[in-house]
Amino acid sequence: MLQNSQTIRYYQKLTDAMVDLWQRGYRFEEIRMYMEGYLACLRHSNNIEAYQINRLEEEAFRFLRDPSNFELSMPQPESDYY
């Protein structure tokens, strides 16, 4: 579990971008490459500690492997009360 607030923000930005890429038609391999590039940039920038980046990477891969994160939500039909 991520506990550093800045690491959590990076995780949220990354996962939001991954879902957005999926909805725009990119496939898992392309999303994985995006994620790896994002993590490489974090490592290069030294904004957060290396162990936090490693934990972020584990959580992001777990997010990517879970297909329920990329399912389109179906709106619930409204009940007709008449």
N, C-alpha and C. Protein backbone atom coordinates (compact mmCIF):
# COMPACT_ATOMS: atom_id res chain seq x y z
N MET A 1 0.84 -1.17 0.00
CA MET A 1 0.00 0.00 0.00
C MET A 1 0.89 1.24 0.00
N LEU A 2 0.53 2.17 -0.84
CA LEU A 2 1.27 3.42 -0.92
C LEU A 2 0.87 4.32 0.24
N GLN A 3 1.87 4.97 0.86
CA GLN A 3 1.57 5.81 2.00
C GLN A 3 2.06 7.24 1.86
N ASN A 4 3.01 7.48 1.01
CA ASN A 4 3.52 8.82 0.78
C ASN A 4 2.54 9.58 -0.11
N SER A 5 2.15 10.78 0.29
CA SER A 5 1.12 11.51 -0.46
C SER A 5 1.56 11.84 -1.88
N GLN A 6 2.82 12.16 -2.07
CA GLN A 6 3.28 12.47 -3.43
C GLN A 6 3.29 11.21 -4.30
N THR A 7 3.67 10.09 -3.74
CA THR A 7 3.64 8.83 -4.47
C THR A 7 2.22 8.46 -4.85
N ILE A 8 1.27 8.70 -3.95
CA ILE A 8 -0.13 8.42 -4.25
C ILE A 8 -0.61 9.29 -5.40
N ARG A 9 -0.20 10.56 -5.42
CA ARG A 9 -0.59 11.45 -6.53
C ARG A 9 -0.03 10.94 -7.86
N TYR A 10 1.23 10.50 -7.85
CA TYR A 10 1.81 9.94 -9.08
C TYR A 10 1.06 8.69 -9.52
N TYR A 11 0.69 7.85 -8.56
CA TYR A 11 -0.07 6.64 -8.86
C TYR A 11 -1.42 6.99 -9.48
N GLN A 12 -2.11 7.97 -8.90
CA GLN A 12 -3.41 8.36 -9.43
C GLN A 12 -3.29 8.92 -10.84
N LYS A 13 -2.28 9.74 -11.08
CA LYS A 13 -2.08 10.29 -12.42
C LYS A 13 -1.77 9.19 -13.42
N LEU A 14 -0.93 8.25 -13.01
CA LEU A 14 -0.56 7.15 -13.89
C LEU A 14 -1.75 6.26 -14.21
N THR A 15 -2.51 5.87 -13.21
CA THR A 15 -3.64 4.97 -13.47
C THR A 15 -4.74 5.68 -14.26
N ASP A 16 -4.96 6.96 -14.00
CA ASP A 16 -5.94 7.71 -14.79
C ASP A 16 -5.51 7.76 -16.25
N ALA A 17 -4.23 7.97 -16.49
CA ALA A 17 -3.71 8.01 -17.86
C ALA A 17 -3.84 6.64 -18.53
N MET A 18 -3.59 5.57 -17.76
CA MET A 18 -3.71 4.23 -18.32
C MET A 18 -5.14 3.93 -18.75
N VAL A 19 -6.11 4.29 -17.94
CA VAL A 19 -7.52 4.08 -18.28
C VAL A 19 -7.89 4.94 -19.49
N ASP A 20 -7.41 6.17 -19.52
CA ASP A 20 -7.68 7.06 -20.65
C ASP A 20 -7.11 6.48 -21.95
N LEU A 21 -5.89 5.96 -21.88
CA LEU A 21 -5.30 5.34 -23.08
C LEU A 21 -6.13 4.14 -23.54
N TRP A 22 -6.59 3.34 -22.59
CA TRP A 22 -7.42 2.17 -22.93
C TRP A 22 -8.71 2.61 -23.63
N GLN A 23 -9.33 3.65 -23.11
CA GLN A 23 -10.58 4.13 -23.70
C GLN A 23 -10.37 4.76 -25.07
N ARG A 24 -9.15 5.22 -25.34
CA ARG A 24 -8.85 5.77 -26.67
C ARG A 24 -8.39 4.70 -27.65
N GLY A 25 -8.37 3.44 -27.22
CA GLY A 25 -8.11 2.35 -28.15
C GLY A 25 -6.72 1.74 -28.09
N TYR A 26 -5.88 2.16 -27.16
CA TYR A 26 -4.56 1.57 -27.02
C TYR A 26 -4.70 0.20 -26.35
N ARG A 27 -3.77 -0.69 -26.64
CA ARG A 27 -3.79 -2.03 -26.09
C ARG A 27 -2.85 -2.15 -24.89
N PHE A 28 -2.92 -3.27 -24.19
CA PHE A 28 -2.17 -3.45 -22.95
C PHE A 28 -0.67 -3.29 -23.16
N GLU A 29 -0.15 -3.78 -24.25
CA GLU A 29 1.30 -3.66 -24.49
C GLU A 29 1.71 -2.20 -24.61
N GLU A 30 0.92 -1.41 -25.28
CA GLU A 30 1.22 0.02 -25.44
C GLU A 30 1.07 0.76 -24.10
N ILE A 31 0.08 0.36 -23.33
CA ILE A 31 -0.12 0.97 -22.01
C ILE A 31 1.03 0.59 -21.08
N ARG A 32 1.48 -0.64 -21.17
CA ARG A 32 2.62 -1.08 -20.36
C ARG A 32 3.87 -0.29 -20.71
N MET A 33 4.09 -0.04 -22.00
CA MET A 33 5.25 0.74 -22.41
C MET A 33 5.14 2.18 -21.89
N TYR A 34 3.93 2.74 -21.92
CA TYR A 34 3.71 4.08 -21.37
C TYR A 34 4.05 4.10 -19.88
N MET A 35 3.58 3.08 -19.16
CA MET A 35 3.82 3.00 -17.74
C MET A 35 5.32 2.88 -17.44
N GLU A 36 6.01 2.08 -18.21
CA GLU A 36 7.45 1.92 -17.99
C GLU A 36 8.19 3.23 -18.26
N GLY A 37 7.76 3.97 -19.27
CA GLY A 37 8.37 5.27 -19.55
C GLY A 37 8.10 6.26 -18.43
N TYR A 38 6.89 6.25 -17.91
CA TYR A 38 6.51 7.13 -16.80
C TYR A 38 7.39 6.84 -15.59
N LEU A 39 7.56 5.56 -15.29
CA LEU A 39 8.37 5.17 -14.13
C LEU A 39 9.85 5.51 -14.36
N ALA A 40 10.32 5.36 -15.59
CA ALA A 40 11.70 5.72 -15.90
C ALA A 40 11.93 7.22 -15.70
N CYS A 41 10.95 8.03 -16.08
CA CYS A 41 11.06 9.47 -15.87
C CYS A 41 11.09 9.80 -14.38
N LEU A 42 10.27 9.10 -13.59
CA LEU A 42 10.30 9.33 -12.14
C LEU A 42 11.66 8.97 -11.55
N ARG A 43 12.23 7.87 -12.02
CA ARG A 43 13.56 7.47 -11.53
C ARG A 43 14.61 8.52 -11.90
N HIS A 44 14.51 9.04 -13.10
CA HIS A 44 15.50 10.00 -13.59
C HIS A 44 15.36 11.35 -12.88
N SER A 45 14.15 11.73 -12.51
CA SER A 45 13.92 13.05 -11.92
C SER A 45 14.30 13.12 -10.45
N ASN A 46 14.38 12.00 -9.77
CA ASN A 46 14.70 11.95 -8.34
C ASN A 46 13.72 12.74 -7.48
N ASN A 47 12.46 12.80 -7.88
CA ASN A 47 11.45 13.51 -7.09
C ASN A 47 11.03 12.72 -5.86
N ILE A 48 11.03 11.41 -5.98
CA ILE A 48 10.69 10.56 -4.83
C ILE A 48 11.77 9.49 -4.70
N GLU A 49 11.84 8.89 -3.55
CA GLU A 49 12.86 7.89 -3.26
C GLU A 49 12.68 6.64 -4.13
N ALA A 50 13.79 5.95 -4.37
CA ALA A 50 13.78 4.76 -5.23
C ALA A 50 12.85 3.68 -4.69
N TYR A 51 12.83 3.47 -3.38
CA TYR A 51 11.97 2.42 -2.83
C TYR A 51 10.49 2.77 -3.03
N GLN A 52 10.16 4.07 -3.04
CA GLN A 52 8.79 4.47 -3.29
C GLN A 52 8.42 4.25 -4.76
N ILE A 53 9.36 4.48 -5.64
CA ILE A 53 9.11 4.22 -7.06
C ILE A 53 8.91 2.74 -7.30
N ASN A 54 9.70 1.90 -6.63
CA ASN A 54 9.54 0.45 -6.77
C ASN A 54 8.17 0.00 -6.28
N ARG A 55 7.72 0.57 -5.17
CA ARG A 55 6.38 0.23 -4.65
C ARG A 55 5.30 0.72 -5.60
N LEU A 56 5.49 1.91 -6.15
CA LEU A 56 4.56 2.46 -7.14
C LEU A 56 4.50 1.56 -8.36
N GLU A 57 5.65 1.06 -8.79
CA GLU A 57 5.70 0.16 -9.94
C GLU A 57 4.93 -1.13 -9.66
N GLU A 58 5.08 -1.70 -8.48
CA GLU A 58 4.35 -2.91 -8.12
C GLU A 58 2.84 -2.67 -8.16
N GLU A 59 2.41 -1.56 -7.57
CA GLU A 59 0.98 -1.24 -7.54
C GLU A 59 0.45 -0.97 -8.95
N ALA A 60 1.23 -0.30 -9.79
CA ALA A 60 0.79 0.01 -11.15
C ALA A 60 0.67 -1.27 -11.98
N PHE A 61 1.62 -2.20 -11.82
CA PHE A 61 1.51 -3.48 -12.54
C PHE A 61 0.30 -4.27 -12.06
N ARG A 62 0.03 -4.22 -10.77
CA ARG A 62 -1.16 -4.89 -10.23
C ARG A 62 -2.43 -4.27 -10.84
N PHE A 63 -2.46 -2.95 -10.96
CA PHE A 63 -3.59 -2.25 -11.58
C PHE A 63 -3.74 -2.66 -13.04
N LEU A 64 -2.62 -2.75 -13.76
CA LEU A 64 -2.67 -3.09 -15.18
C LEU A 64 -3.14 -4.53 -15.40
N ARG A 65 -2.77 -5.45 -14.53
CA ARG A 65 -3.15 -6.85 -14.68
C ARG A 65 -4.61 -7.13 -14.33
N ASP A 66 -5.26 -6.21 -13.64
CA ASP A 66 -6.64 -6.41 -13.23
C ASP A 66 -7.58 -5.92 -14.34
N PRO A 67 -8.22 -6.82 -15.07
CA PRO A 67 -9.06 -6.39 -16.19
C PRO A 67 -10.28 -5.58 -15.78
N SER A 68 -10.70 -5.68 -14.52
CA SER A 68 -11.87 -4.92 -14.10
C SER A 68 -11.61 -3.42 -14.10
N ASN A 69 -10.35 -3.01 -14.08
CA ASN A 69 -10.03 -1.58 -14.11
C ASN A 69 -10.27 -0.96 -15.48
N PHE A 70 -10.42 -1.79 -16.50
CA PHE A 70 -10.54 -1.29 -17.86
C PHE A 70 -11.89 -1.60 -18.49
N GLU A 71 -12.83 -2.09 -17.69
CA GLU A 71 -14.16 -2.35 -18.20
C GLU A 71 -14.94 -1.05 -18.27
N LEU A 72 -15.75 -0.92 -19.30
CA LEU A 72 -16.61 0.24 -19.40
C LEU A 72 -17.81 0.03 -18.50
N SER A 73 -18.12 1.04 -17.73
CA SER A 73 -19.29 0.91 -16.86
C SER A 73 -20.55 1.14 -17.67
N MET A 74 -21.50 0.27 -17.43
CA MET A 74 -22.78 0.37 -18.13
C MET A 74 -23.75 1.14 -17.25
N PRO A 75 -24.37 2.18 -17.78
CA PRO A 75 -25.34 2.91 -16.95
C PRO A 75 -26.54 2.04 -16.60
N GLN A 76 -27.02 2.22 -15.40
CA GLN A 76 -28.18 1.47 -14.95
C GLN A 76 -29.44 2.06 -15.57
N PRO A 77 -30.30 1.22 -16.13
CA PRO A 77 -31.54 1.75 -16.69
C PRO A 77 -32.43 2.30 -15.56
N GLU A 78 -33.08 3.38 -15.86
CA GLU A 78 -33.97 3.99 -14.87
C GLU A 78 -35.28 3.22 -14.83
N SER A 79 -35.77 3.02 -13.63
CA SER A 79 -37.05 2.34 -13.47
C SER A 79 -38.17 3.30 -13.81
N ASP A 80 -39.17 2.80 -14.49
CA ASP A 80 -40.32 3.63 -14.84
C ASP A 80 -41.37 3.42 -13.76
N TYR A 81 -41.70 4.47 -13.04
CA TYR A 81 -42.60 4.38 -11.92
C TYR A 81 -44.04 4.71 -12.29
N TYR A 82 -44.35 4.78 -13.53
CA TYR A 82 -45.73 5.14 -13.94
C TYR A 82 -46.60 3.95 -14.05
